[in-house]
Amino acid sequence: LKSILWDILEEAEKKETTEEKLETVWKEHVRLIEKTRILPRIIFSDTLHTGKNREKLKDVVFFYQDGVKKIFEEGIKKGELTECDPDVLTRLFLGGILFSALKWLLSGESYNLMEDIEKVFKTFKKTCFREK
């Protein structure tokens, strides 16, 4: 899983703007969820929150969080984003994806997850990005 998330972050780094990088992250993240249905199940699984599994999960989650946070930090430095705590922005961003994916799974995958999360990202952009 870590290598897949690494690939997502690497793909995002190829983009020029913060908006393009974050859009790459959420779209690739959603594709991964749609393809494997694994991420929400991993995050919310009781068996993965103990012992060695807990440490492995912690390593993956913190690695990915740090990669996304770096995108926010760069966006703030470049003046593309409002002055907000990059850690909080990261949690809001990833939390929006995970909650949307969980809701989608619980609904029996009855709607287009990509379109749903695109609405979330549009609202996120309105609140976090500086006007061009």
Foldseek 3Di string as FASTA:
>chain_A
DLVLLVVQLVVLVVDDALLSSLVSNLVSVVVVCVVPVPDLCCVPPPVQCDDPSVVVVVVSVVVNLVSNLVSVVVCVVVQFWDPDRSSVLSCLSVVLSSVLSVVCVVVVVPDDSVVVVVVVVVVSCVHIGDDD
